[in-house]
């Protein structure tokens, strides 16, 4: 069974624009990688001791870019405890690899919405940025 990673940055119901603050879902197989720090749309990472950047195969392929290229990746930056990135990485991988019969395949990485804190990945304290790349016209 394919598993899916769920992210929601917005805190209010009115904040549901998927490319900025709304609900995003990716198949777990879209996860290209993770790194400590804050990444921008160009995949440049800045030092940040309480942030973790996730790179995912893009929901929309940018013209001329490779699907697995970090330059084309959708990027989600999570907040965590200072120097807590490794623990969050381990928790994400454990959730993806869980084979429990009660596992629904829906993995909440972060949900900043009302009541969304309860089932997020342990160690994630919030989401600070979402970059969904737009295809060229």
C-alpha atoms as a PDB file:
ATOM      1  CA  UNK A   1       0.000   0.000   0.000  1.00  0.00           C
ATOM      2  CA  UNK A   2       1.333   3.435  -0.943  1.00  0.00           C
ATOM      3  CA  UNK A   3       1.710   5.820   1.971  1.00  0.00           C
ATOM      4  CA  UNK A   4       1.097   9.547   1.790  1.00  0.00           C
ATOM      5  CA  UNK A   5       2.689  12.485   3.607  1.00  0.00           C
ATOM      6  CA  UNK A   6       0.321  15.268   4.722  1.00  0.00           C
ATOM      7  CA  UNK A   7       1.351  18.862   5.451  1.00  0.00           C
ATOM      8  CA  UNK A   8      -0.721  21.897   6.442  1.00  0.00           C
ATOM      9  CA  UNK A   9       0.846  25.253   7.252  1.00  0.00           C
ATOM     10  CA  UNK A  10      -2.293  27.373   7.702  1.00  0.00           C
ATOM     11  CA  UNK A  11      -3.808  27.787  11.151  1.00  0.00           C
ATOM     12  CA  UNK A  12      -7.274  28.956  10.118  1.00  0.00           C
ATOM     13  CA  UNK A  13      -9.850  27.419   7.780  1.00  0.00           C
ATOM     14  CA  UNK A  14      -9.576  30.487   5.551  1.00  0.00           C
ATOM     15  CA  UNK A  15      -5.896  29.702   4.956  1.00  0.00           C
ATOM     16  CA  UNK A  16      -6.316  26.883   2.468  1.00  0.00           C
ATOM     17  CA  UNK A  17      -4.415  28.017  -0.622  1.00  0.00           C
ATOM     18  CA  UNK A  18      -2.447  24.867  -1.286  1.00  0.00           C
ATOM     19  CA  UNK A  19       0.624  26.545  -2.712  1.00  0.00           C
ATOM     20  CA  UNK A  20       1.067  28.818   0.323  1.00  0.00           C
ATOM     21  CA  UNK A  21      -0.581  27.578   3.479  1.00  0.00           C
ATOM     22  CA  UNK A  22      -3.135  24.920   2.694  1.00  0.00           C
ATOM     23  CA  UNK A  23      -3.234  21.165   2.770  1.00  0.00           C
ATOM     24  CA  UNK A  24      -0.634  19.329   0.721  1.00  0.00           C
ATOM     25  CA  UNK A  25      -0.261  15.610   0.279  1.00  0.00           C
ATOM     26  CA  UNK A  26       2.527  13.713  -1.485  1.00  0.00           C
ATOM     27  CA  UNK A  27       3.118  10.000  -1.924  1.00  0.00           C
ATOM     28  CA  UNK A  28       5.911   8.905   0.412  1.00  0.00           C
ATOM     29  CA  UNK A  29       7.816   7.804  -2.689  1.00  0.00           C
ATOM     30  CA  UNK A  30       8.058  11.496  -3.678  1.00  0.00           C
ATOM     31  CA  UNK A  31      10.447  12.197  -0.797  1.00  0.00           C
ATOM     32  CA  UNK A  32      13.827  12.892  -2.408  1.00  0.00           C
ATOM     33  CA  UNK A  33      15.684  13.784   0.773  1.00  0.00           C
ATOM     34  CA  UNK A  34      15.951  15.883   3.908  1.00  0.00           C
ATOM     35  CA  UNK A  35      18.596  18.158   5.364  1.00  0.00           C
ATOM     36  CA  UNK A  36      19.143  20.230   8.473  1.00  0.00           C
ATOM     37  CA  UNK A  37      18.630  23.933   7.824  1.00  0.00           C
ATOM     38  CA  UNK A  38      16.292  26.132   5.831  1.00  0.00           C
ATOM     39  CA  UNK A  39      16.143  25.602   2.052  1.00  0.00           C
ATOM     40  CA  UNK A  40      14.748  28.056  -0.478  1.00  0.00           C
ATOM     41  CA  UNK A  41      13.194  27.512  -3.904  1.00  0.00           C
ATOM     42  CA  UNK A  42      16.648  27.161  -5.506  1.00  0.00           C
ATOM     43  CA  UNK A  43      17.579  24.393  -3.006  1.00  0.00           C
ATOM     44  CA  UNK A  44      20.145  26.647  -1.336  1.00  0.00           C
ATOM     45  CA  UNK A  45      20.326  25.744   2.348  1.00  0.00           C
ATOM     46  CA  UNK A  46      21.094  28.202   5.133  1.00  0.00           C
ATOM     47  CA  UNK A  47      22.287  27.195   8.582  1.00  0.00           C
ATOM     48  CA  UNK A  48      19.355  26.908  10.982  1.00  0.00           C
ATOM     49  CA  UNK A  49      19.720  24.745  14.074  1.00  0.00           C
ATOM     50  CA  UNK A  50      15.976  24.276  14.601  1.00  0.00           C
ATOM     51  CA  UNK A  51      14.783  23.662  11.048  1.00  0.00           C
ATOM     52  CA  UNK A  52      14.582  20.667   8.737  1.00  0.00           C
ATOM     53  CA  UNK A  53      14.027  20.919   4.982  1.00  0.00           C
ATOM     54  CA  UNK A  54      12.238  18.188   3.059  1.00  0.00           C
ATOM     55  CA  UNK A  55      12.666  17.913  -0.710  1.00  0.00           C
ATOM     56  CA  UNK A  56       9.872  16.227  -2.648  1.00  0.00           C
ATOM     57  CA  UNK A  57       9.350  15.370  -6.290  1.00  0.00           C
ATOM     58  CA  UNK A  58       7.304  18.281  -7.593  1.00  0.00           C
ATOM     59  CA  UNK A  59       3.540  18.245  -7.801  1.00  0.00           C
ATOM     60  CA  UNK A  60       3.967  20.269 -11.013  1.00  0.00           C
ATOM     61  CA  UNK A  61       6.986  19.653 -13.232  1.00  0.00           C
ATOM     62  CA  UNK A  62       8.854  22.818 -14.195  1.00  0.00           C
ATOM     63  CA  UNK A  63       9.651  22.909 -17.906  1.00  0.00           C
ATOM     64  CA  UNK A  64      13.106  21.606 -18.747  1.00  0.00           C
ATOM     65  CA  UNK A  65      13.892  20.329 -15.247  1.00  0.00           C
ATOM     66  CA  UNK A  66      14.461  16.761 -14.138  1.00  0.00           C
ATOM     67  CA  UNK A  67      11.801  15.317 -11.811  1.00  0.00           C
ATOM     68  CA  UNK A  68      14.394  14.143  -9.257  1.00  0.00           C
ATOM     69  CA  UNK A  69      16.464  17.323  -9.374  1.00  0.00           C
ATOM     70  CA  UNK A  70      16.695  19.369  -6.173  1.00  0.00           C
ATOM     71  CA  UNK A  71      16.433  22.505  -8.317  1.00  0.00           C
ATOM     72  CA  UNK A  72      12.934  21.392  -9.288  1.00  0.00           C
ATOM     73  CA  UNK A  73      11.899  19.953  -5.927  1.00  0.00           C
ATOM     74  CA  UNK A  74       9.002  21.183  -3.858  1.00  0.00           C
ATOM     75  CA  UNK A  75      10.482  22.208  -0.527  1.00  0.00           C
ATOM     76  CA  UNK A  76       8.860  22.144   2.885  1.00  0.00           C
ATOM     77  CA  UNK A  77      10.655  23.555   5.917  1.00  0.00           C
ATOM     78  CA  UNK A  78       9.678  22.165   9.295  1.00  0.00           C
ATOM     79  CA  UNK A  79      10.427  23.671  12.693  1.00  0.00           C
ATOM     80  CA  UNK A  80      11.825  21.411  15.413  1.00  0.00           C
ATOM     81  CA  UNK A  81      13.728  21.620  18.682  1.00  0.00           C
ATOM     82  CA  UNK A  82      17.238  23.001  18.525  1.00  0.00           C
ATOM     83  CA  UNK A  83      19.439  20.277  16.999  1.00  0.00           C
ATOM     84  CA  UNK A  84      16.390  17.989  16.784  1.00  0.00           C
ATOM     85  CA  UNK A  85      16.601  17.396  13.043  1.00  0.00           C
ATOM     86  CA  UNK A  86      18.005  13.861  13.264  1.00  0.00           C
ATOM     87  CA  UNK A  87      15.197  12.746  15.585  1.00  0.00           C
ATOM     88  CA  UNK A  88      12.570  14.171  13.227  1.00  0.00           C
ATOM     89  CA  UNK A  89      14.221  12.469  10.243  1.00  0.00           C
ATOM     90  CA  UNK A  90      14.181   9.150  12.116  1.00  0.00           C
ATOM     91  CA  UNK A  91      10.512   9.631  13.064  1.00  0.00           C
ATOM     92  CA  UNK A  92       9.502  10.389   9.466  1.00  0.00           C
ATOM     93  CA  UNK A  93      11.338   7.327   8.140  1.00  0.00           C
ATOM     94  CA  UNK A  94       9.852   5.149  10.907  1.00  0.00           C
ATOM     95  CA  UNK A  95       6.338   6.351  10.016  1.00  0.00           C
ATOM     96  CA  UNK A  96       6.926   5.573   6.336  1.00  0.00           C
ATOM     97  CA  UNK A  97       8.294   2.109   7.138  1.00  0.00           C
ATOM     98  CA  UNK A  98       5.626   1.126   9.694  1.00  0.00           C
ATOM     99  CA  UNK A  99       3.714  -1.973   8.631  1.00  0.00           C
ATOM    100  CA  UNK A 100       1.145  -2.031  11.446  1.00  0.00           C
ATOM    101  CA  UNK A 101      -2.299  -3.367  10.441  1.00  0.00           C
ATOM    102  CA  UNK A 102      -3.819  -0.171  11.872  1.00  0.00           C
ATOM    103  CA  UNK A 103      -1.683   2.026   9.619  1.00  0.00           C
ATOM    104  CA  UNK A 104      -3.988   3.825   7.177  1.00  0.00           C
ATOM    105  CA  UNK A 105      -1.180   5.033   4.926  1.00  0.00           C
ATOM    106  CA  UNK A 106      -1.924   8.664   5.848  1.00  0.00           C
ATOM    107  CA  UNK A 107       1.059  10.207   7.654  1.00  0.00           C
ATOM    108  CA  UNK A 108       0.590  13.670   9.145  1.00  0.00           C
ATOM    109  CA  UNK A 109       3.995  15.317   9.087  1.00  0.00           C
ATOM    110  CA  UNK A 110       2.658  18.662  10.310  1.00  0.00           C
ATOM    111  CA  UNK A 111      -0.839  20.127  10.643  1.00  0.00           C
ATOM    112  CA  UNK A 112      -0.952  23.661  12.004  1.00  0.00           C
ATOM    113  CA  UNK A 113      -4.749  23.713  11.753  1.00  0.00           C
ATOM    114  CA  UNK A 114      -7.020  23.673  14.776  1.00  0.00           C
ATOM    115  CA  UNK A 115      -6.713  20.269  16.453  1.00  0.00           C
ATOM    116  CA  UNK A 116      -3.962  19.196  14.074  1.00  0.00           C
ATOM    117  CA  UNK A 117      -1.208  18.948  16.671  1.00  0.00           C
ATOM    118  CA  UNK A 118      -2.298  15.604  18.093  1.00  0.00           C
ATOM    119  CA  UNK A 119      -1.144  13.311  15.290  1.00  0.00           C
ATOM    120  CA  UNK A 120       1.847  15.113  13.814  1.00  0.00           C
ATOM    121  CA  UNK A 121       5.251  13.464  13.608  1.00  0.00           C
ATOM    122  CA  UNK A 122       7.004  13.558  16.985  1.00  0.00           C
ATOM    123  CA  UNK A 123       9.554  16.359  17.195  1.00  0.00           C
ATOM    124  CA  UNK A 124       7.907  18.633  14.613  1.00  0.00           C
ATOM    125  CA  UNK A 125       6.852  21.912  16.218  1.00  0.00           C
ATOM    126  CA  UNK A 126       5.539  23.652  13.120  1.00  0.00           C
ATOM    127  CA  UNK A 127       6.001  24.451   9.458  1.00  0.00           C
ATOM    128  CA  UNK A 128       7.784  27.607   8.425  1.00  0.00           C
ATOM    129  CA  UNK A 129       7.733  27.539   4.641  1.00  0.00           C
ATOM    130  CA  UNK A 130       6.263  25.764   1.641  1.00  0.00           C
ATOM    131  CA  UNK A 131       7.667  26.157  -1.872  1.00  0.00           C
ATOM    132  CA  UNK A 132       5.602  24.454  -4.557  1.00  0.00           C
ATOM    133  CA  UNK A 133       7.371  25.106  -7.845  1.00  0.00           C
ATOM    134  CA  UNK A 134       5.282  26.547 -10.650  1.00  0.00           C
ATOM    135  CA  UNK A 135       5.653  25.285 -14.205  1.00  0.00           C
ATOM    136  CA  UNK A 136       6.994  27.771 -16.720  1.00  0.00           C
ATOM    137  CA  UNK A 137       4.454  29.234 -19.148  1.00  0.00           C
END
